[in-house]
C-alpha atoms as a PDB file:
ATOM      1  CA  UNK A   1      31.895 -33.065 -70.576  1.00  0.00           C
ATOM      2  CA  UNK A   2      34.936 -33.827 -72.752  1.00  0.00           C
ATOM      3  CA  UNK A   3      34.919 -30.318 -74.207  1.00  0.00           C
ATOM      4  CA  UNK A   4      34.997 -28.750 -70.758  1.00  0.00           C
ATOM      5  CA  UNK A   5      37.775 -31.104 -69.665  1.00  0.00           C
ATOM      6  CA  UNK A   6      39.922 -30.226 -72.693  1.00  0.00           C
ATOM      7  CA  UNK A   7      39.285 -26.503 -72.224  1.00  0.00           C
ATOM      8  CA  UNK A   8      40.183 -26.832 -68.542  1.00  0.00           C
ATOM      9  CA  UNK A   9      43.485 -28.509 -69.389  1.00  0.00           C
ATOM     10  CA  UNK A  10      44.292 -25.844 -71.935  1.00  0.00           C
ATOM     11  CA  UNK A  11      43.585 -23.117 -69.384  1.00  0.00           C
ATOM     12  CA  UNK A  12      45.678 -24.897 -66.740  1.00  0.00           C
ATOM     13  CA  UNK A  13      48.688 -25.335 -69.020  1.00  0.00           C
ATOM     14  CA  UNK A  14      48.264 -21.793 -70.320  1.00  0.00           C
ATOM     15  CA  UNK A  15      48.104 -20.351 -66.803  1.00  0.00           C
ATOM     16  CA  UNK A  16      51.307 -22.112 -65.810  1.00  0.00           C
ATOM     17  CA  UNK A  17      53.038 -20.917 -68.989  1.00  0.00           C
ATOM     18  CA  UNK A  18      51.814 -17.337 -68.509  1.00  0.00           C
ATOM     19  CA  UNK A  19      52.984 -17.330 -64.883  1.00  0.00           C
ATOM     20  CA  UNK A  20      56.421 -18.611 -65.897  1.00  0.00           C
ATOM     21  CA  UNK A  21      56.640 -15.971 -68.629  1.00  0.00           C
ATOM     22  CA  UNK A  22      55.533 -13.234 -66.211  1.00  0.00           C
ATOM     23  CA  UNK A  23      58.219 -14.267 -63.739  1.00  0.00           C
ATOM     24  CA  UNK A  24      60.867 -14.289 -66.463  1.00  0.00           C
ATOM     25  CA  UNK A  25      59.789 -10.791 -67.530  1.00  0.00           C
ATOM     26  CA  UNK A  26      59.753  -9.472 -63.973  1.00  0.00           C
ATOM     27  CA  UNK A  27      55.972  -9.034 -63.850  1.00  0.00           C
ATOM     28  CA  UNK A  28      53.877  -9.738 -60.778  1.00  0.00           C
ATOM     29  CA  UNK A  29      51.592 -12.760 -60.823  1.00  0.00           C
ATOM     30  CA  UNK A  30      48.350 -13.202 -58.890  1.00  0.00           C
ATOM     31  CA  UNK A  31      50.232 -15.481 -56.511  1.00  0.00           C
ATOM     32  CA  UNK A  32      52.800 -12.740 -55.831  1.00  0.00           C
ATOM     33  CA  UNK A  33      50.099 -10.135 -55.267  1.00  0.00           C
ATOM     34  CA  UNK A  34      47.958 -12.311 -52.987  1.00  0.00           C
ATOM     35  CA  UNK A  35      50.980 -13.386 -50.957  1.00  0.00           C
ATOM     36  CA  UNK A  36      52.116  -9.759 -50.547  1.00  0.00           C
ATOM     37  CA  UNK A  37      48.574  -8.725 -49.630  1.00  0.00           C
ATOM     38  CA  UNK A  38      48.486 -11.255 -46.837  1.00  0.00           C
ATOM     39  CA  UNK A  39      51.873 -10.182 -45.528  1.00  0.00           C
ATOM     40  CA  UNK A  40      51.813  -6.403 -46.043  1.00  0.00           C
ATOM     41  CA  UNK A  41      48.148  -5.549 -46.336  1.00  0.00           C
ATOM     42  CA  UNK A  42      46.206  -5.076 -49.551  1.00  0.00           C
ATOM     43  CA  UNK A  43      46.800  -1.357 -49.958  1.00  0.00           C
ATOM     44  CA  UNK A  44      50.553  -1.625 -49.620  1.00  0.00           C
ATOM     45  CA  UNK A  45      50.662  -4.702 -51.866  1.00  0.00           C
ATOM     46  CA  UNK A  46      48.631  -2.895 -54.542  1.00  0.00           C
ATOM     47  CA  UNK A  47      51.018   0.066 -54.438  1.00  0.00           C
ATOM     48  CA  UNK A  48      54.016  -2.202 -54.988  1.00  0.00           C
ATOM     49  CA  UNK A  49      52.652  -3.664 -58.222  1.00  0.00           C
ATOM     50  CA  UNK A  50      53.950  -1.837 -61.305  1.00  0.00           C
ATOM     51  CA  UNK A  51      51.545  -0.450 -63.865  1.00  0.00           C
ATOM     52  CA  UNK A  52      52.725  -2.956 -66.469  1.00  0.00           C
ATOM     53  CA  UNK A  53      52.048  -5.792 -64.038  1.00  0.00           C
ATOM     54  CA  UNK A  54      48.511  -4.433 -63.551  1.00  0.00           C
ATOM     55  CA  UNK A  55      48.056  -4.447 -67.333  1.00  0.00           C
ATOM     56  CA  UNK A  56      49.161  -8.074 -67.327  1.00  0.00           C
ATOM     57  CA  UNK A  57      47.056  -9.107 -64.320  1.00  0.00           C
ATOM     58  CA  UNK A  58      43.829  -7.344 -65.261  1.00  0.00           C
ATOM     59  CA  UNK A  59      44.085  -7.425 -69.049  1.00  0.00           C
ATOM     60  CA  UNK A  60      46.446  -9.862 -70.686  1.00  0.00           C
ATOM     61  CA  UNK A  61      46.100 -12.734 -68.206  1.00  0.00           C
ATOM     62  CA  UNK A  62      42.290 -13.038 -68.329  1.00  0.00           C
ATOM     63  CA  UNK A  63      42.282 -12.379 -72.084  1.00  0.00           C
ATOM     64  CA  UNK A  64      44.836 -15.136 -72.664  1.00  0.00           C
ATOM     65  CA  UNK A  65      43.078 -17.649 -70.443  1.00  0.00           C
ATOM     66  CA  UNK A  66      39.692 -16.832 -71.947  1.00  0.00           C
ATOM     67  CA  UNK A  67      41.097 -17.292 -75.447  1.00  0.00           C
ATOM     68  CA  UNK A  68      42.542 -20.660 -74.454  1.00  0.00           C
ATOM     69  CA  UNK A  69      39.217 -21.776 -72.994  1.00  0.00           C
ATOM     70  CA  UNK A  70      37.378 -20.724 -76.159  1.00  0.00           C
ATOM     71  CA  UNK A  71      39.959 -22.491 -78.335  1.00  0.00           C
ATOM     72  CA  UNK A  72      39.694 -25.652 -76.248  1.00  0.00           C
ATOM     73  CA  UNK A  73      35.911 -25.699 -76.526  1.00  0.00           C
ATOM     74  CA  UNK A  74      36.065 -25.016 -80.274  1.00  0.00           C
ATOM     75  CA  UNK A  75      38.689 -27.728 -80.764  1.00  0.00           C
ATOM     76  CA  UNK A  76      36.736 -30.289 -78.751  1.00  0.00           C
ATOM     77  CA  UNK A  77      33.595 -29.592 -80.767  1.00  0.00           C
ATOM     78  CA  UNK A  78      35.461 -30.098 -84.021  1.00  0.00           C
ATOM     79  CA  UNK A  79      35.285 -26.520 -85.184  1.00  0.00           C
END
């Protein structure tokens, strides 16, 4: 249970940091996309997201969070 808790905290802190970095770099976050989808419709919202933001959202963001989760589990298990 402790390993999962530590990994969860690492993912949470990492997600906040990645969202702050994305905002500073002018990239869309999932919050931005979901909010726009609710206001404009999903098709229009998807069209407004830049290709580099899609790379971030569908590639770098899950890769980064997955790596943090794996690191947290490895750290908690002493390895």
